[in-house]
C-alpha atoms as a PDB file:
ATOM      1  CA  MET A   1      79.479 -49.673  92.803  1.00  0.00           C
ATOM      2  CA  LYS A   2      78.695 -51.659  95.926  1.00  0.00           C
ATOM      3  CA  LYS A   3      79.292 -55.390  95.713  1.00  0.00           C
ATOM      4  CA  TYR A   4      76.886 -58.040  96.967  1.00  0.00           C
ATOM      5  CA  TYR A   5      79.645 -60.393  98.025  1.00  0.00           C
ATOM      6  CA  TYR A   6      83.387 -60.378  98.637  1.00  0.00           C
ATOM      7  CA  THR A   7      86.036 -63.101  98.491  1.00  0.00           C
ATOM      8  CA  ILE A   8      88.121 -64.104 101.489  1.00  0.00           C
ATOM      9  CA  GLY A   9      91.115 -62.305  99.944  1.00  0.00           C
ATOM     10  CA  GLU A  10      89.169 -59.060  99.569  1.00  0.00           C
ATOM     11  CA  VAL A  11      87.854 -59.249 103.134  1.00  0.00           C
ATOM     12  CA  SER A  12      91.321 -60.119 104.383  1.00  0.00           C
ATOM     13  CA  ASN A  13      92.763 -57.001 102.734  1.00  0.00           C
ATOM     14  CA  LEU A  14      89.845 -54.831 103.852  1.00  0.00           C
ATOM     15  CA  LEU A  15      90.192 -55.807 107.525  1.00  0.00           C
ATOM     16  CA  ASP A  16      93.993 -56.209 107.484  1.00  0.00           C
ATOM     17  CA  LEU A  17      93.759 -59.805 108.690  1.00  0.00           C
ATOM     18  CA  LYS A  18      95.198 -63.061 107.375  1.00  0.00           C
ATOM     19  CA  PRO A  19      92.748 -65.425 105.621  1.00  0.00           C
ATOM     20  CA  HIS A  20      93.419 -68.168 108.181  1.00  0.00           C
ATOM     21  CA  VAL A  21      92.193 -65.806 110.927  1.00  0.00           C
ATOM     22  CA  LEU A  22      88.902 -65.315 109.067  1.00  0.00           C
ATOM     23  CA  ARG A  23      88.504 -69.073 108.627  1.00  0.00           C
ATOM     24  CA  TYR A  24      89.199 -69.575 112.350  1.00  0.00           C
ATOM     25  CA  TRP A  25      86.632 -66.939 113.311  1.00  0.00           C
ATOM     26  CA  GLU A  26      84.052 -68.711 111.131  1.00  0.00           C
ATOM     27  CA  LYS A  27      84.470 -71.767 113.349  1.00  0.00           C
ATOM     28  CA  GLU A  28      84.374 -69.789 116.583  1.00  0.00           C
ATOM     29  CA  PHE A  29      81.520 -67.373 115.858  1.00  0.00           C
ATOM     30  CA  LYS A  30      78.120 -68.553 114.613  1.00  0.00           C
ATOM     31  CA  GLN A  31      77.334 -65.030 113.442  1.00  0.00           C
ATOM     32  CA  VAL A  32      79.891 -65.317 110.611  1.00  0.00           C
ATOM     33  CA  HIS A  33      78.659 -67.665 107.930  1.00  0.00           C
ATOM     34  CA  PRO A  34      79.819 -66.839 104.422  1.00  0.00           C
ATOM     35  CA  LYS A  35      78.152 -68.725 101.629  1.00  0.00           C
ATOM     36  CA  LYS A  36      80.296 -71.294  99.891  1.00  0.00           C
ATOM     37  CA  ARG A  37      80.003 -71.657  96.153  1.00  0.00           C
ATOM     38  CA  PHE A  38      81.474 -74.072  93.647  1.00  0.00           C
ATOM     39  CA  GLY A  39      84.947 -75.074  94.646  1.00  0.00           C
ATOM     40  CA  ARG A  40      84.135 -74.082  98.229  1.00  0.00           C
ATOM     41  CA  ASN A  41      84.993 -70.431  97.608  1.00  0.00           C
ATOM     42  CA  ARG A  42      83.706 -68.253 100.402  1.00  0.00           C
ATOM     43  CA  ARG A  43      81.423 -65.344  99.574  1.00  0.00           C
ATOM     44  CA  TYR A  44      81.114 -62.774 102.360  1.00  0.00           C
ATOM     45  CA  ASN A  45      78.151 -60.399 102.269  1.00  0.00           C
ATOM     46  CA  PRO A  46      78.267 -56.885 103.798  1.00  0.00           C
ATOM     47  CA  ASP A  47      76.581 -58.128 107.003  1.00  0.00           C
ATOM     48  CA  ASP A  48      79.331 -60.720 107.477  1.00  0.00           C
ATOM     49  CA  ILE A  49      81.933 -58.006 107.024  1.00  0.00           C
ATOM     50  CA  GLU A  50      80.259 -55.761 109.623  1.00  0.00           C
ATOM     51  CA  THR A  51      80.202 -58.670 112.073  1.00  0.00           C
ATOM     52  CA  LEU A  52      83.890 -59.340 111.396  1.00  0.00           C
ATOM     53  CA  LYS A  53      84.655 -55.668 112.053  1.00  0.00           C
ATOM     54  CA  LYS A  54      82.898 -55.926 115.414  1.00  0.00           C
ATOM     55  CA  ILE A  55      84.790 -59.114 116.267  1.00  0.00           C
ATOM     56  CA  LYS A  56      88.104 -57.516 115.341  1.00  0.00           C
ATOM     57  CA  TYR A  57      87.278 -54.438 117.419  1.00  0.00           C
ATOM     58  CA  LEU A  58      86.282 -56.481 120.464  1.00  0.00           C
ATOM     59  CA  LEU A  59      89.252 -58.859 120.262  1.00  0.00           C
ATOM     60  CA  HIS A  60      92.010 -56.449 119.237  1.00  0.00           C
ATOM     61  CA  LYS A  61      90.978 -53.081 120.695  1.00  0.00           C
ATOM     62  CA  LYS A  62      88.865 -54.023 123.723  1.00  0.00           C
ATOM     63  CA  ARG A  63      91.011 -57.129 124.444  1.00  0.00           C
ATOM     64  CA  TYR A  64      88.067 -59.509 124.901  1.00  0.00           C
ATOM     65  CA  THR A  65      88.631 -63.256 124.962  1.00  0.00           C
ATOM     66  CA  ILE A  66      86.940 -65.396 122.297  1.00  0.00           C
ATOM     67  CA  GLU A  67      84.279 -66.456 124.807  1.00  0.00           C
ATOM     68  CA  GLY A  68      83.815 -62.891 126.038  1.00  0.00           C
ATOM     69  CA  CYS A  69      83.479 -61.682 122.462  1.00  0.00           C
ATOM     70  CA  ARG A  70      80.847 -64.354 121.755  1.00  0.00           C
ATOM     71  CA  ASN A  71      78.854 -63.228 124.777  1.00  0.00           C
ATOM     72  CA  LYS A  72      79.187 -59.557 123.849  1.00  0.00           C
ATOM     73  CA  LEU A  73      77.960 -60.235 120.295  1.00  0.00           C
ATOM     74  CA  LYS A  74      74.935 -62.079 121.683  1.00  0.00           C
ATOM     75  CA  GLU A  75      74.268 -59.184 124.046  1.00  0.00           C
ATOM     76  CA  LEU A  76      74.572 -56.652 121.218  1.00  0.00           C
ATOM     77  CA  LYS A  77      72.209 -58.653 119.052  1.00  0.00           C
ATOM     78  CA  LYS A  78      69.590 -58.786 121.813  1.00  0.00           C
ATOM     79  CA  SER A  79      69.685 -55.095 122.586  1.00  0.00           C
ATOM     80  CA  GLU A  80      69.084 -52.362 120.045  1.00  0.00           C
ATOM     81  CA  ASP A  81      71.345 -50.096 122.070  1.00  0.00           C
ATOM     82  CA  GLN A  82      74.714 -51.041 120.617  1.00  0.00           C
ATOM     83  CA  ILE A  83      77.867 -49.773 122.246  1.00  0.00           C
ATOM     84  CA  GLU A  84      79.728 -47.278 120.122  1.00  0.00           C
ATOM     85  CA  LEU A  85      81.883 -49.438 117.880  1.00  0.00           C
ATOM     86  CA  ASN A  86      82.412 -46.733 115.286  1.00  0.00           C
ATOM     87  CA  PHE A  87      79.847 -48.201 112.934  1.00  0.00           C
ATOM     88  CA  LYS A  88      77.078 -46.419 111.090  1.00  0.00           C
ATOM     89  CA  ILE A  89      73.876 -46.060 113.066  1.00  0.00           C
ATOM     90  CA  ASN A  90      70.689 -46.858 111.242  1.00  0.00           C
ATOM     91  CA  LYS A  91      68.980 -43.468 111.415  1.00  0.00           C
ATOM     92  CA  LYS A  92      65.482 -44.809 110.777  1.00  0.00           C
ATOM     93  CA  LYS A  93      65.672 -47.227 113.706  1.00  0.00           C
ATOM     94  CA  LEU A  94      67.156 -44.550 115.924  1.00  0.00           C
ATOM     95  CA  LYS A  95      64.423 -42.045 115.017  1.00  0.00           C
ATOM     96  CA  LYS A  96      61.710 -44.640 115.588  1.00  0.00           C
ATOM     97  CA  LYS A  97      63.153 -45.612 118.969  1.00  0.00           C
ATOM     98  CA  LEU A  98      63.516 -41.988 120.052  1.00  0.00           C
ATOM     99  CA  LYS A  99      59.969 -41.246 118.935  1.00  0.00           C
ATOM    100  CA  THR A 100      58.523 -44.104 121.011  1.00  0.00           C
ATOM    101  CA  GLU A 101      60.591 -43.091 124.023  1.00  0.00           C
ATOM    102  CA  LEU A 102      59.458 -39.482 123.696  1.00  0.00           C
ATOM    103  CA  LEU A 103      55.832 -40.589 123.444  1.00  0.00           C
ATOM    104  CA  GLU A 104      56.283 -42.637 126.643  1.00  0.00           C
ATOM    105  CA  VAL A 105      57.802 -39.621 128.410  1.00  0.00           C
ATOM    106  CA  LYS A 106      54.937 -37.453 127.162  1.00  0.00           C
ATOM    107  CA  GLU A 107      52.392 -39.910 128.584  1.00  0.00           C
ATOM    108  CA  ILE A 108      54.180 -39.974 131.930  1.00  0.00           C
ATOM    109  CA  LEU A 109      54.305 -36.166 132.114  1.00  0.00           C
ATOM    110  CA  SER A 110      50.675 -35.749 131.126  1.00  0.00           C
ATOM    111  CA  ASP A 111      49.467 -37.934 134.024  1.00  0.00           C
END
């Protein structure tokens, strides 16, 4: 069963990061904004977790700085063509994009 939200401890274990790192990243990256419930417990949704995975990849594997990672996340958000970060590709969006590109190519060739 897929959960709608995860605690900071669960996300910490999932990403193999310390909770203080996640709290720090919340301050540094606007894209990460878990909801806070009673007692100020953080509730991360799956989108937050995907963003954290991207941040971890960019910082730890690609060796980006915090500022460079911020810029890269903004760039990725603006463009639909995301760099391969080993994440699932939304097949519907990909099919739609390919279809429009193929239609444009078809129009160019038919001229």
